[in-house]
Amino acid sequence: MKELYPLNGIVTVLNTPFKSDDSIDFGALKHNIREAIAAGVAGFLVPAMASEVYKLSETERLNMVEAVLQEVQGRVPVIAGAGEIDLSRTKKLLKAYVDLGCRNVLFQIPYENDIQFKDHFMNLADIDLDMIMLQDWNASGYGLPDGLICELFETVPAFRCLKIETVPAGIKYSRILELTQGRLNISGGWAVTQMTEGLRRGVHAFMPTGMHWIYAKIYALWKENKEEQATELFQMILPVLSFSNQHLDISIHFFKRLLYNQGIYPTDRVRDPILPFDTIHKQIADKLIDQIIPLENYLKEK
């Protein structure tokens, strides 16, 4: 019987730092990684949607994964995002990831029907990998069918993790855990706004982009059976989540601005096309950041 994959805690989805000339700032990326590891994160996912993945060239994606692997040095898992619609391009990207030494990957596959999805998945799973994480993304519905998830889980040994990002997510967390007898590792991404609900339902990992110290502390408190303290800390960041999670582009703008104000990224640049972040957005963001930074520093110094 397939055992539960040991991915528990906060898995940071890395925002891509850009220099003033719009090139990737690998020094800043490594600074962010060091900060996240010091905070106690359980792994990294890169590049993914919060990394502005579809604005990155294939070479840039590979260079990012290579830089993360070099900095992490095996201390925590690194999961490489294979977000491509075209099957042949995805297979090429996967082979390149494996050649870099990254054998944990995220599959993001468009869903038309079960037959199409399964065929696409099995074609990708034919590559020799240690761990496949499947993205179950639907911004307005329940996402992939339960039966399809369970069939793939029982069929493909490397399929060990499911990243659920559906609306709502809570019931699906519980349902998939029950259907797989708790053996499929479940993580929450965009639904991190329901983090304490996810913890109560038994979700193993959460995938935010910033606030490393706060998220890691919430998770640690919960696992120490200090649910009241974990909930109290979580409630302190709800205004941030309410603002940043109104749209992925707003989230990217906000967390890059936070990283910039923390001195981790030297700029808060984003790549176009992206929704504008206007004066009102910046005013609200800066007030929230002024609350978050002292809290992060307090937890860092404890």
C-alpha atoms as a PDB file:
ATOM      1  CA  MET A   1       0.000   0.000   0.000  1.00  0.00           C
ATOM      2  CA  LYS A   2       1.270   3.466  -0.939  1.00  0.00           C
ATOM      3  CA  GLU A   3       2.479   5.366   2.122  1.00  0.00           C
ATOM      4  CA  LEU A   4       1.723   9.020   2.823  1.00  0.00           C
ATOM      5  CA  TYR A   5       4.286  11.347   1.238  1.00  0.00           C
ATOM      6  CA  PRO A   6       6.105  13.293   4.005  1.00  0.00           C
ATOM      7  CA  LEU A   7       5.332  16.870   2.966  1.00  0.00           C
ATOM      8  CA  ASN A   8       3.964  18.656   6.019  1.00  0.00           C
ATOM      9  CA  GLY A   9       3.980  22.359   6.753  1.00  0.00           C
ATOM     10  CA  ILE A  10       4.420  25.513   4.686  1.00  0.00           C
ATOM     11  CA  VAL A  11       5.614  25.086   1.097  1.00  0.00           C
ATOM     12  CA  THR A  12       6.549  28.512  -0.243  1.00  0.00           C
ATOM     13  CA  VAL A  13       5.603  29.411  -3.805  1.00  0.00           C
ATOM     14  CA  LEU A  14       8.403  31.769  -4.749  1.00  0.00           C
ATOM     15  CA  ASN A  15       7.600  35.127  -6.340  1.00  0.00           C
ATOM     16  CA  THR A  16      10.055  35.913  -9.131  1.00  0.00           C
ATOM     17  CA  PRO A  17      12.222  38.954  -8.295  1.00  0.00           C
ATOM     18  CA  PHE A  18      13.052  41.229 -11.223  1.00  0.00           C
ATOM     19  CA  LYS A  19      15.830  43.754 -11.578  1.00  0.00           C
ATOM     20  CA  SER A  20      15.197  47.222 -12.985  1.00  0.00           C
ATOM     21  CA  ASP A  21      16.027  45.876 -16.466  1.00  0.00           C
ATOM     22  CA  ASP A  22      13.324  43.167 -16.051  1.00  0.00           C
ATOM     23  CA  SER A  23      15.833  40.296 -15.753  1.00  0.00           C
ATOM     24  CA  ILE A  24      15.559  37.802 -12.888  1.00  0.00           C
ATOM     25  CA  ASP A  25      17.433  38.760  -9.728  1.00  0.00           C
ATOM     26  CA  PHE A  26      18.853  35.422  -8.596  1.00  0.00           C
ATOM     27  CA  GLY A  27      20.608  36.975  -5.597  1.00  0.00           C
ATOM     28  CA  ALA A  28      17.268  38.250  -4.289  1.00  0.00           C
ATOM     29  CA  LEU A  29      15.650  34.874  -4.997  1.00  0.00           C
ATOM     30  CA  LYS A  30      18.274  33.132  -2.874  1.00  0.00           C
ATOM     31  CA  HIS A  31      17.852  35.723  -0.113  1.00  0.00           C
ATOM     32  CA  ASN A  32      14.126  34.888  -0.026  1.00  0.00           C
ATOM     33  CA  ILE A  33      14.911  31.165   0.128  1.00  0.00           C
ATOM     34  CA  ARG A  34      17.291  31.644   3.066  1.00  0.00           C
ATOM     35  CA  GLU A  35      14.684  33.666   4.934  1.00  0.00           C
ATOM     36  CA  ALA A  36      12.007  31.036   4.309  1.00  0.00           C
ATOM     37  CA  ILE A  37      14.255  28.170   5.438  1.00  0.00           C
ATOM     38  CA  ALA A  38      15.169  30.065   8.592  1.00  0.00           C
ATOM     39  CA  ALA A  39      11.445  30.475   9.278  1.00  0.00           C
ATOM     40  CA  GLY A  40      10.971  26.720   9.021  1.00  0.00           C
ATOM     41  CA  VAL A  41       9.204  26.143   5.717  1.00  0.00           C
ATOM     42  CA  ALA A  42       8.814  22.553   4.535  1.00  0.00           C
ATOM     43  CA  GLY A  43       9.625  23.070   0.859  1.00  0.00           C
ATOM     44  CA  PHE A  44       9.451  25.259  -2.240  1.00  0.00           C
ATOM     45  CA  LEU A  45       7.342  25.282  -5.383  1.00  0.00           C
ATOM     46  CA  VAL A  46       8.823  27.109  -8.372  1.00  0.00           C
ATOM     47  CA  PRO A  47       7.884  28.369 -10.881  1.00  0.00           C
ATOM     48  CA  ALA A  48       4.106  28.494 -10.445  1.00  0.00           C
ATOM     49  CA  MET A  49       1.347  31.027 -11.013  1.00  0.00           C
ATOM     50  CA  ALA A  50       2.548  33.284  -8.188  1.00  0.00           C
ATOM     51  CA  SER A  51       5.955  33.233  -9.913  1.00  0.00           C
ATOM     52  CA  GLU A  52       4.354  34.758 -13.044  1.00  0.00           C
ATOM     53  CA  VAL A  53       5.274  31.490 -14.704  1.00  0.00           C
ATOM     54  CA  TYR A  54       3.607  32.180 -18.050  1.00  0.00           C
ATOM     55  CA  LYS A  55       5.694  35.334 -18.469  1.00  0.00           C
ATOM     56  CA  LEU A  56       8.942  33.396 -18.005  1.00  0.00           C
ATOM     57  CA  SER A  57      10.839  31.841 -20.894  1.00  0.00           C
ATOM     58  CA  GLU A  58      11.756  28.171 -20.767  1.00  0.00           C
ATOM     59  CA  THR A  59      15.371  29.124 -20.066  1.00  0.00           C
ATOM     60  CA  GLU A  60      14.304  31.411 -17.212  1.00  0.00           C
ATOM     61  CA  ARG A  61      12.204  28.637 -15.664  1.00  0.00           C
ATOM     62  CA  LEU A  62      15.084  26.213 -15.777  1.00  0.00           C
ATOM     63  CA  ASN A  63      17.511  28.800 -14.394  1.00  0.00           C
ATOM     64  CA  MET A  64      15.124  29.491 -11.503  1.00  0.00           C
ATOM     65  CA  VAL A  65      14.773  25.825 -10.608  1.00  0.00           C
ATOM     66  CA  GLU A  66      18.536  25.360 -10.818  1.00  0.00           C
ATOM     67  CA  ALA A  67      19.139  28.382  -8.560  1.00  0.00           C
ATOM     68  CA  VAL A  68      16.649  27.105  -5.976  1.00  0.00           C
ATOM     69  CA  LEU A  69      18.191  23.627  -5.980  1.00  0.00           C
ATOM     70  CA  GLN A  70      21.660  25.114  -5.493  1.00  0.00           C
ATOM     71  CA  GLU A  71      20.547  27.269  -2.573  1.00  0.00           C
ATOM     72  CA  VAL A  72      18.396  24.639  -0.859  1.00  0.00           C
ATOM     73  CA  GLN A  73      21.042  21.899  -1.059  1.00  0.00           C
ATOM     74  CA  GLY A  74      18.547  19.149  -0.266  1.00  0.00           C
ATOM     75  CA  ARG A  75      17.428  20.617   3.060  1.00  0.00           C
ATOM     76  CA  VAL A  76      13.768  20.605   1.981  1.00  0.00           C
ATOM     77  CA  PRO A  77      11.978  19.334  -1.147  1.00  0.00           C
ATOM     78  CA  VAL A  78      11.969  21.517  -4.254  1.00  0.00           C
ATOM     79  CA  ILE A  79       8.955  21.003  -6.526  1.00  0.00           C
ATOM     80  CA  ALA A  80       9.322  22.246 -10.103  1.00  0.00           C
ATOM     81  CA  GLY A  81       6.191  23.580 -11.761  1.00  0.00           C
ATOM     82  CA  ALA A  82       5.405  22.174 -15.196  1.00  0.00           C
ATOM     83  CA  GLY A  83       2.661  24.570 -16.162  1.00  0.00           C
ATOM     84  CA  GLU A  84       2.312  24.031 -19.899  1.00  0.00           C
ATOM     85  CA  ILE A  85      -0.798  23.192 -21.918  1.00  0.00           C
ATOM     86  CA  ASP A  86       1.094  21.598 -24.815  1.00  0.00           C
ATOM     87  CA  LEU A  87       2.066  17.983 -24.030  1.00  0.00           C
ATOM     88  CA  SER A  88       5.308  17.924 -26.011  1.00  0.00           C
ATOM     89  CA  ARG A  89       6.547  21.181 -24.440  1.00  0.00           C
ATOM     90  CA  THR A  90       5.697  19.875 -20.978  1.00  0.00           C
ATOM     91  CA  LYS A  91       7.611  16.636 -21.564  1.00  0.00           C
ATOM     92  CA  LYS A  92      10.628  18.602 -22.740  1.00  0.00           C
ATOM     93  CA  LEU A  93      10.441  20.790 -19.634  1.00  0.00           C
ATOM     94  CA  LEU A  94      10.111  17.770 -17.332  1.00  0.00           C
ATOM     95  CA  LYS A  95      13.146  16.084 -18.856  1.00  0.00           C
ATOM     96  CA  ALA A  96      15.132  19.279 -18.348  1.00  0.00           C
ATOM     97  CA  TYR A  97      14.054  19.454 -14.693  1.00  0.00           C
ATOM     98  CA  VAL A  98      15.156  15.860 -14.136  1.00  0.00           C
ATOM     99  CA  ASP A  99      18.483  16.604 -15.839  1.00  0.00           C
ATOM    100  CA  LEU A 100      18.974  19.432 -13.312  1.00  0.00           C
ATOM    101  CA  GLY A 101      18.417  16.958 -10.501  1.00  0.00           C
ATOM    102  CA  CYS A 102      14.848  17.955  -9.618  1.00  0.00           C
ATOM    103  CA  ARG A 103      12.664  14.846  -9.427  1.00  0.00           C
ATOM    104  CA  ASN A 104       9.622  16.391  -7.720  1.00  0.00           C
ATOM    105  CA  VAL A 105       7.213  18.120 -10.108  1.00  0.00           C
ATOM    106  CA  LEU A 106       3.809  19.768 -10.254  1.00  0.00           C
ATOM    107  CA  PHE A 107       1.521  18.811 -13.145  1.00  0.00           C
ATOM    108  CA  GLN A 108      -0.987  21.449 -14.242  1.00  0.00           C
ATOM    109  CA  ILE A 109      -3.147  19.850 -16.926  1.00  0.00           C
ATOM    110  CA  PRO A 110      -6.201  21.397 -18.649  1.00  0.00           C
ATOM    111  CA  TYR A 111      -9.360  19.355 -18.053  1.00  0.00           C
ATOM    112  CA  GLU A 112     -11.801  18.652 -20.883  1.00  0.00           C
ATOM    113  CA  ASN A 113     -12.974  15.196 -19.898  1.00  0.00           C
ATOM    114  CA  ASP A 114     -11.681  12.197 -17.954  1.00  0.00           C
ATOM    115  CA  ILE A 115     -10.296  10.379 -20.998  1.00  0.00           C
ATOM    116  CA  GLN A 116      -8.351  13.404 -22.278  1.00  0.00           C
ATOM    117  CA  PHE A 117      -7.015  14.242 -18.823  1.00  0.00           C
ATOM    118  CA  LYS A 118      -5.956  10.695 -18.004  1.00  0.00           C
ATOM    119  CA  ASP A 119      -4.176  10.303 -21.367  1.00  0.00           C
ATOM    120  CA  HIS A 120      -2.300  13.589 -20.840  1.00  0.00           C
ATOM    121  CA  PHE A 121      -1.374  12.656 -17.260  1.00  0.00           C
ATOM    122  CA  MET A 122      -0.148   9.172 -18.174  1.00  0.00           C
ATOM    123  CA  ASN A 123       1.993  10.564 -20.995  1.00  0.00           C
ATOM    124  CA  LEU A 124       3.737  12.885 -18.544  1.00  0.00           C
ATOM    125  CA  ALA A 125       3.962  10.259 -15.788  1.00  0.00           C
ATOM    126  CA  ASP A 126       5.942   8.059 -18.175  1.00  0.00           C
ATOM    127  CA  ILE A 127       9.014  10.145 -17.238  1.00  0.00           C
ATOM    128  CA  ASP A 128      10.964   8.741 -14.277  1.00  0.00           C
ATOM    129  CA  LEU A 129      10.027  10.943 -11.297  1.00  0.00           C
ATOM    130  CA  ASP A 130      10.135  10.581  -7.522  1.00  0.00           C
ATOM    131  CA  MET A 131       7.024  12.627  -6.757  1.00  0.00           C
ATOM    132  CA  ILE A 132       4.188  14.028  -8.842  1.00  0.00           C
ATOM    133  CA  MET A 133       1.991  16.733  -7.355  1.00  0.00           C
ATOM    134  CA  LEU A 134      -1.210  17.311  -9.305  1.00  0.00           C
ATOM    135  CA  GLN A 135      -2.789  20.766  -9.387  1.00  0.00           C
ATOM    136  CA  ASP A 136      -6.556  20.628  -8.919  1.00  0.00           C
ATOM    137  CA  TRP A 137      -7.426  24.177  -9.914  1.00  0.00           C
ATOM    138  CA  ASN A 138     -10.887  25.640 -10.447  1.00  0.00           C
ATOM    139  CA  ALA A 139     -11.548  29.246  -9.461  1.00  0.00           C
ATOM    140  CA  SER A 140     -15.330  28.805  -9.609  1.00  0.00           C
ATOM    141  CA  GLY A 141     -16.094  25.152  -8.932  1.00  0.00           C
ATOM    142  CA  TYR A 142     -15.183  21.741  -7.554  1.00  0.00           C
ATOM    143  CA  GLY A 143     -12.298  20.911  -9.896  1.00  0.00           C
ATOM    144  CA  LEU A 144     -11.265  17.423 -10.948  1.00  0.00           C
ATOM    145  CA  PRO A 145     -13.677  14.503 -10.428  1.00  0.00           C
ATOM    146  CA  ASP A 146     -12.995  12.476  -7.289  1.00  0.00           C
ATOM    147  CA  GLY A 147     -13.009   9.195  -9.181  1.00  0.00           C
ATOM    148  CA  LEU A 148     -10.368  10.391 -11.622  1.00  0.00           C
ATOM    149  CA  ILE A 149      -8.085  11.567  -8.806  1.00  0.00           C
ATOM    150  CA  CYS A 150      -8.424   8.258  -6.966  1.00  0.00           C
ATOM    151  CA  GLU A 151      -7.858   6.186 -10.115  1.00  0.00           C
ATOM    152  CA  LEU A 152      -4.657   8.053 -10.966  1.00  0.00           C
ATOM    153  CA  PHE A 153      -3.473   7.824  -7.362  1.00  0.00           C
ATOM    154  CA  GLU A 154      -3.913   4.061  -7.266  1.00  0.00           C
ATOM    155  CA  THR A 155      -2.397   3.585 -10.742  1.00  0.00           C
ATOM    156  CA  VAL A 156       0.691   5.827 -10.745  1.00  0.00           C
ATOM    157  CA  PRO A 157       3.220   5.193  -7.941  1.00  0.00           C
ATOM    158  CA  ALA A 158       4.839   8.641  -8.240  1.00  0.00           C
ATOM    159  CA  PHE A 159       1.515  10.483  -7.845  1.00  0.00           C
ATOM    160  CA  ARG A 160       1.779  11.276  -4.145  1.00  0.00           C
ATOM    161  CA  CYS A 161       0.433  14.826  -3.654  1.00  0.00           C
ATOM    162  CA  LEU A 162      -2.656  16.805  -4.648  1.00  0.00           C
ATOM    163  CA  LYS A 163      -2.782  20.599  -4.529  1.00  0.00           C
ATOM    164  CA  ILE A 164      -6.446  21.495  -4.145  1.00  0.00           C
ATOM    165  CA  GLU A 165      -7.408  24.995  -5.266  1.00  0.00           C
ATOM    166  CA  THR A 166     -11.154  24.807  -5.758  1.00  0.00           C
ATOM    167  CA  VAL A 167     -14.101  26.900  -4.597  1.00  0.00           C
ATOM    168  CA  PRO A 168     -14.977  25.844  -1.980  1.00  0.00           C
ATOM    169  CA  ALA A 169     -12.027  23.681  -0.963  1.00  0.00           C
ATOM    170  CA  GLY A 170     -12.912  22.440   2.525  1.00  0.00           C
ATOM    171  CA  ILE A 171     -15.348  19.653   1.714  1.00  0.00           C
ATOM    172  CA  LYS A 172     -13.089  18.369  -1.030  1.00  0.00           C
ATOM    173  CA  TYR A 173     -10.126  18.221   1.368  1.00  0.00           C
ATOM    174  CA  SER A 174     -12.101  15.912   3.643  1.00  0.00           C
ATOM    175  CA  ARG A 175     -13.631  13.870   0.847  1.00  0.00           C
ATOM    176  CA  ILE A 176     -10.348  13.083  -0.917  1.00  0.00           C
ATOM    177  CA  LEU A 177      -8.638  12.241   2.368  1.00  0.00           C
ATOM    178  CA  GLU A 178     -11.444   9.824   3.165  1.00  0.00           C
ATOM    179  CA  LEU A 179     -11.488   8.261  -0.308  1.00  0.00           C
ATOM    180  CA  THR A 180      -7.709   7.678  -0.263  1.00  0.00           C
ATOM    181  CA  GLN A 181      -7.707   6.578   3.388  1.00  0.00           C
ATOM    182  CA  GLY A 182      -5.420   9.493   4.227  1.00  0.00           C
ATOM    183  CA  ARG A 183      -2.651   8.211   1.952  1.00  0.00           C
ATOM    184  CA  LEU A 184      -2.743  11.034  -0.617  1.00  0.00           C
ATOM    185  CA  ASN A 185      -0.855  14.092   0.614  1.00  0.00           C
ATOM    186  CA  ILE A 186      -3.195  17.089   0.410  1.00  0.00           C
ATOM    187  CA  SER A 187      -2.081  20.695   0.181  1.00  0.00           C
ATOM    188  CA  GLY A 188      -3.989  23.958  -0.012  1.00  0.00           C
ATOM    189  CA  GLY A 189      -2.875  26.842  -2.180  1.00  0.00           C
ATOM    190  CA  TRP A 190      -5.164  29.742  -3.018  1.00  0.00           C
ATOM    191  CA  ALA A 191      -7.552  28.565  -0.285  1.00  0.00           C
ATOM    192  CA  VAL A 192      -4.997  29.520   2.381  1.00  0.00           C
ATOM    193  CA  THR A 193      -7.663  32.026   3.472  1.00  0.00           C
ATOM    194  CA  GLN A 194      -9.292  28.947   5.045  1.00  0.00           C
ATOM    195  CA  MET A 195      -6.039  27.747   6.624  1.00  0.00           C
ATOM    196  CA  THR A 196      -7.437  26.924  10.058  1.00  0.00           C
ATOM    197  CA  GLU A 197     -10.336  25.073   8.451  1.00  0.00           C
ATOM    198  CA  GLY A 198      -7.834  23.146   6.348  1.00  0.00           C
ATOM    199  CA  LEU A 199      -5.798  22.252   9.432  1.00  0.00           C
ATOM    200  CA  ARG A 200      -8.940  21.057  11.180  1.00  0.00           C
ATOM    201  CA  ARG A 201      -9.748  18.879   8.160  1.00  0.00           C
ATOM    202  CA  GLY A 202      -6.281  17.300   8.142  1.00  0.00           C
ATOM    203  CA  VAL A 203      -4.617  19.123   5.235  1.00  0.00           C
ATOM    204  CA  HIS A 204      -0.900  18.326   5.255  1.00  0.00           C
ATOM    205  CA  ALA A 205       0.670  21.384   3.611  1.00  0.00           C
ATOM    206  CA  PHE A 206      -0.181  24.943   2.631  1.00  0.00           C
ATOM    207  CA  MET A 207       1.323  26.928  -0.246  1.00  0.00           C
ATOM    208  CA  PRO A 208       1.396  30.690   0.299  1.00  0.00           C
ATOM    209  CA  THR A 209       3.951  33.093  -1.162  1.00  0.00           C
ATOM    210  CA  GLY A 210       5.121  35.317   1.684  1.00  0.00           C
ATOM    211  CA  MET A 211       4.876  35.942   5.438  1.00  0.00           C
ATOM    212  CA  HIS A 212       7.119  32.907   6.041  1.00  0.00           C
ATOM    213  CA  TRP A 213       7.478  33.394   9.784  1.00  0.00           C
ATOM    214  CA  ILE A 214       3.782  33.937  10.408  1.00  0.00           C
ATOM    215  CA  TYR A 215       2.572  30.964   8.374  1.00  0.00           C
ATOM    216  CA  ALA A 216       5.207  28.627   9.795  1.00  0.00           C
ATOM    217  CA  LYS A 217       4.275  29.680  13.330  1.00  0.00           C
ATOM    218  CA  ILE A 218       0.546  29.147  12.741  1.00  0.00           C
ATOM    219  CA  TYR A 219       1.252  25.647  11.476  1.00  0.00           C
ATOM    220  CA  ALA A 220       3.633  24.845  14.337  1.00  0.00           C
ATOM    221  CA  LEU A 221       1.202  26.075  17.000  1.00  0.00           C
ATOM    222  CA  TRP A 222      -1.597  23.980  15.548  1.00  0.00           C
ATOM    223  CA  LYS A 223       0.564  20.860  15.512  1.00  0.00           C
ATOM    224  CA  GLU A 224       1.502  21.560  19.146  1.00  0.00           C
ATOM    225  CA  ASN A 225      -2.250  21.406  19.954  1.00  0.00           C
ATOM    226  CA  LYS A 226      -2.279  25.150  20.623  1.00  0.00           C
ATOM    227  CA  GLU A 227      -5.250  25.725  18.348  1.00  0.00           C
ATOM    228  CA  GLU A 228      -6.449  28.859  20.123  1.00  0.00           C
ATOM    229  CA  GLN A 229      -3.072  30.555  19.737  1.00  0.00           C
ATOM    230  CA  ALA A 230      -2.782  29.414  16.117  1.00  0.00           C
ATOM    231  CA  THR A 231      -6.242  30.787  15.346  1.00  0.00           C
ATOM    232  CA  GLU A 232      -5.484  34.077  17.083  1.00  0.00           C
ATOM    233  CA  LEU A 233      -2.323  34.538  14.988  1.00  0.00           C
ATOM    234  CA  PHE A 234      -4.165  33.541  11.809  1.00  0.00           C
ATOM    235  CA  GLN A 235      -6.892  36.095  12.497  1.00  0.00           C
ATOM    236  CA  MET A 236      -4.229  38.809  12.656  1.00  0.00           C
ATOM    237  CA  ILE A 237      -3.427  38.281   8.964  1.00  0.00           C
ATOM    238  CA  LEU A 238      -7.021  38.024   7.710  1.00  0.00           C
ATOM    239  CA  PRO A 239      -7.057  41.680   6.555  1.00  0.00           C
ATOM    240  CA  VAL A 240      -4.006  40.903   4.396  1.00  0.00           C
ATOM    241  CA  LEU A 241      -5.660  37.829   2.905  1.00  0.00           C
ATOM    242  CA  SER A 242      -8.917  39.677   2.305  1.00  0.00           C
ATOM    243  CA  PHE A 243      -7.049  42.316   0.326  1.00  0.00           C
ATOM    244  CA  SER A 244      -4.433  40.240  -1.475  1.00  0.00           C
ATOM    245  CA  ASN A 245      -6.650  37.305  -2.439  1.00  0.00           C
ATOM    246  CA  GLN A 246      -9.165  39.351  -4.388  1.00  0.00           C
ATOM    247  CA  HIS A 247      -7.181  38.417  -7.533  1.00  0.00           C
ATOM    248  CA  LEU A 248      -3.940  36.572  -8.292  1.00  0.00           C
ATOM    249  CA  ASP A 249      -2.405  39.708  -9.825  1.00  0.00           C
ATOM    250  CA  ILE A 250      -3.198  41.747  -6.708  1.00  0.00           C
ATOM    251  CA  SER A 251      -1.581  39.023  -4.613  1.00  0.00           C
ATOM    252  CA  ILE A 252       1.579  39.125  -6.742  1.00  0.00           C
ATOM    253  CA  HIS A 253       1.743  42.921  -6.458  1.00  0.00           C
ATOM    254  CA  PHE A 254       1.167  42.835  -2.698  1.00  0.00           C
ATOM    255  CA  PHE A 255       3.652  40.145  -1.730  1.00  0.00           C
ATOM    256  CA  LYS A 256       6.384  41.571  -3.939  1.00  0.00           C
ATOM    257  CA  ARG A 257       5.777  44.923  -2.260  1.00  0.00           C
ATOM    258  CA  LEU A 258       6.043  43.201   1.122  1.00  0.00           C
ATOM    259  CA  LEU A 259       9.296  41.458   0.162  1.00  0.00           C
ATOM    260  CA  TYR A 260      10.644  44.787  -1.094  1.00  0.00           C
ATOM    261  CA  ASN A 261       9.735  46.554   2.150  1.00  0.00           C
ATOM    262  CA  GLN A 262      11.327  43.719   4.131  1.00  0.00           C
ATOM    263  CA  GLY A 263      14.582  44.313   2.258  1.00  0.00           C
ATOM    264  CA  ILE A 264      14.489  40.831   0.702  1.00  0.00           C
ATOM    265  CA  TYR A 265      13.770  41.981  -2.875  1.00  0.00           C
ATOM    266  CA  PRO A 266      15.461  45.184  -4.128  1.00  0.00           C
ATOM    267  CA  THR A 267      12.444  46.043  -6.312  1.00  0.00           C
ATOM    268  CA  ASP A 268       8.745  45.170  -6.395  1.00  0.00           C
ATOM    269  CA  ARG A 269       8.703  44.924 -10.189  1.00  0.00           C
ATOM    270  CA  VAL A 270       6.169  42.726 -11.977  1.00  0.00           C
ATOM    271  CA  ARG A 271       5.963  41.768 -15.625  1.00  0.00           C
ATOM    272  CA  ASP A 272       3.182  42.807 -17.973  1.00  0.00           C
ATOM    273  CA  PRO A 273       0.496  41.922 -18.723  1.00  0.00           C
ATOM    274  CA  ILE A 274      -0.852  42.218 -15.198  1.00  0.00           C
ATOM    275  CA  LEU A 275      -3.696  44.084 -13.523  1.00  0.00           C
ATOM    276  CA  PRO A 276      -2.699  47.586 -12.409  1.00  0.00           C
ATOM    277  CA  PHE A 277      -1.832  48.287  -8.786  1.00  0.00           C
ATOM    278  CA  ASP A 278      -2.930  51.874  -8.398  1.00  0.00           C
ATOM    279  CA  THR A 279      -2.473  54.539  -5.731  1.00  0.00           C
ATOM    280  CA  ILE A 280      -5.388  53.286  -3.626  1.00  0.00           C
ATOM    281  CA  HIS A 281      -4.048  49.716  -3.759  1.00  0.00           C
ATOM    282  CA  LYS A 282      -0.618  50.937  -2.665  1.00  0.00           C
ATOM    283  CA  GLN A 283      -2.019  52.971   0.230  1.00  0.00           C
ATOM    284  CA  ILE A 284      -3.973  49.983   1.550  1.00  0.00           C
ATOM    285  CA  ALA A 285      -1.036  47.630   0.975  1.00  0.00           C
ATOM    286  CA  ASP A 286       1.421  49.876   2.806  1.00  0.00           C
ATOM    287  CA  LYS A 287      -0.805  50.103   5.893  1.00  0.00           C
ATOM    288  CA  LEU A 288      -1.087  46.307   5.973  1.00  0.00           C
ATOM    289  CA  ILE A 289       2.648  45.898   5.425  1.00  0.00           C
ATOM    290  CA  ASP A 290       3.315  48.264   8.333  1.00  0.00           C
ATOM    291  CA  GLN A 291       1.400  45.793  10.517  1.00  0.00           C
ATOM    292  CA  ILE A 292       2.929  42.618   9.097  1.00  0.00           C
ATOM    293  CA  ILE A 293       6.631  43.501   9.247  1.00  0.00           C
ATOM    294  CA  PRO A 294       6.746  44.081  13.035  1.00  0.00           C
ATOM    295  CA  LEU A 295       4.852  40.838  13.584  1.00  0.00           C
ATOM    296  CA  GLU A 296       7.239  38.911  11.328  1.00  0.00           C
ATOM    297  CA  ASN A 297      10.229  40.479  13.099  1.00  0.00           C
ATOM    298  CA  TYR A 298       8.783  39.631  16.514  1.00  0.00           C
ATOM    299  CA  LEU A 299       8.354  35.955  15.547  1.00  0.00           C
ATOM    300  CA  LYS A 300      11.817  35.924  13.985  1.00  0.00           C
ATOM    301  CA  GLU A 301      13.434  37.160  17.171  1.00  0.00           C
ATOM    302  CA  LYS A 302      11.571  34.816  19.552  1.00  0.00           C
END
